[in-house]
N, C-alpha and C. Protein backbone atom coordinates (compact mmCIF):
# COMPACT_ATOMS: atom_id res chain seq x y z
N UNK A 1 0.85 -1.16 -0.07
CA UNK A 1 -0.07 -0.04 0.04
C UNK A 1 0.90 1.26 0.08
N UNK A 2 0.80 1.99 -1.03
CA UNK A 2 1.60 3.18 -1.26
C UNK A 2 0.75 4.40 -0.90
N UNK A 3 1.18 5.21 0.07
CA UNK A 3 0.49 6.45 0.22
C UNK A 3 0.88 7.55 -0.73
N UNK A 4 2.13 7.52 -1.04
CA UNK A 4 2.64 8.47 -2.09
C UNK A 4 3.12 7.70 -3.30
N UNK A 5 3.04 8.25 -4.40
CA UNK A 5 3.38 7.56 -5.64
C UNK A 5 5.04 7.77 -5.78
N UNK A 6 5.42 8.16 -6.84
CA UNK A 6 6.84 8.39 -7.08
C UNK A 6 7.27 9.65 -6.52
N UNK A 7 7.89 9.68 -5.32
CA UNK A 7 8.39 11.00 -4.83
C UNK A 7 9.64 11.16 -5.18
N UNK A 8 9.96 12.38 -5.78
CA UNK A 8 11.39 12.78 -6.18
C UNK A 8 11.67 14.01 -5.33
N UNK A 9 12.27 13.61 -4.11
CA UNK A 9 12.55 14.61 -3.14
C UNK A 9 14.21 14.70 -3.16
N UNK A 10 14.68 15.84 -3.24
CA UNK A 10 16.21 16.11 -3.15
C UNK A 10 16.60 16.15 -1.67
N UNK A 11 16.87 14.99 -0.98
CA UNK A 11 17.19 15.05 0.37
C UNK A 11 18.48 15.65 0.57
N UNK A 12 19.37 15.60 -0.27
CA UNK A 12 20.71 16.17 -0.09
C UNK A 12 20.68 17.69 -0.01
N UNK A 13 19.90 18.24 -0.99
CA UNK A 13 19.72 19.59 -1.08
C UNK A 13 18.89 20.21 0.14
N UNK A 14 17.91 19.45 0.50
CA UNK A 14 17.08 19.85 1.65
C UNK A 14 17.87 19.71 2.97
N UNK A 15 18.83 18.79 3.03
CA UNK A 15 19.63 18.63 4.18
C UNK A 15 20.62 19.89 4.35
N UNK A 16 21.13 20.34 3.25
CA UNK A 16 22.05 21.46 3.33
C UNK A 16 21.30 22.65 3.65
N UNK A 17 20.03 22.87 3.25
CA UNK A 17 19.25 24.05 3.61
C UNK A 17 18.89 23.90 5.06
N UNK A 18 18.67 22.76 5.60
CA UNK A 18 18.22 22.43 6.93
C UNK A 18 19.36 22.85 7.89
N UNK A 19 20.59 22.42 7.56
CA UNK A 19 21.68 22.71 8.20
C UNK A 19 21.89 24.34 8.36
N UNK A 20 21.71 24.88 7.24
CA UNK A 20 21.98 26.42 7.19
C UNK A 20 20.94 26.98 8.15
N UNK A 21 19.71 26.59 8.02
CA UNK A 21 18.56 27.16 8.73
C UNK A 21 18.90 27.04 10.24
N UNK A 22 19.21 25.70 10.66
CA UNK A 22 19.56 25.43 12.00
C UNK A 22 20.66 26.16 12.54
N UNK A 23 21.69 26.40 11.74
CA UNK A 23 22.92 27.27 12.07
C UNK A 23 22.57 28.70 12.46
N UNK A 24 21.62 29.22 11.58
CA UNK A 24 21.13 30.53 11.77
C UNK A 24 20.31 30.75 13.09
N UNK A 25 19.35 29.76 13.28
CA UNK A 25 18.58 29.70 14.60
C UNK A 25 19.50 29.58 15.73
N UNK A 26 20.53 28.73 15.64
CA UNK A 26 21.39 28.66 16.93
C UNK A 26 22.24 29.91 17.04
N UNK A 27 22.60 30.52 15.96
CA UNK A 27 23.36 31.79 16.04
C UNK A 27 22.47 32.85 16.78
N UNK A 28 21.43 32.99 16.29
CA UNK A 28 20.43 33.94 16.79
C UNK A 28 20.18 33.65 18.29
N UNK A 29 19.99 32.40 18.78
CA UNK A 29 19.86 32.00 20.21
C UNK A 29 21.06 32.38 21.00
N UNK A 30 22.12 32.08 20.52
CA UNK A 30 23.43 32.28 21.33
C UNK A 30 23.58 33.80 21.44
N UNK A 31 23.31 34.59 20.40
CA UNK A 31 23.43 36.05 20.35
C UNK A 31 22.40 36.66 21.41
N UNK A 32 21.20 36.10 21.48
CA UNK A 32 20.19 36.55 22.30
C UNK A 32 20.60 36.25 23.84
N UNK A 33 21.13 35.08 23.97
CA UNK A 33 21.61 34.77 25.43
C UNK A 33 22.77 35.70 25.82
N UNK A 34 23.75 35.98 24.91
CA UNK A 34 24.80 36.82 25.30
C UNK A 34 24.31 38.32 25.40
N UNK A 35 23.52 38.74 24.75
CA UNK A 35 22.96 40.14 24.93
C UNK A 35 22.10 40.36 25.99
N UNK A 36 21.27 39.43 26.32
CA UNK A 36 20.40 39.53 27.52
C UNK A 36 21.08 39.09 28.87
N UNK A 37 22.19 38.46 28.73
CA UNK A 37 22.78 38.03 29.93
C UNK A 37 22.40 36.77 30.53
N UNK A 38 21.88 35.80 29.79
CA UNK A 38 21.45 34.53 30.20
C UNK A 38 20.01 34.45 30.48
């Protein structure tokens, strides 16, 4: 039983974008902690 037909998802490309997005979010979080003093 297939819920999805032929899925052509570029997981490598998505992974690269996900790492970039995660890095940006982490950087914003660290900056916020530093600026607000914990």
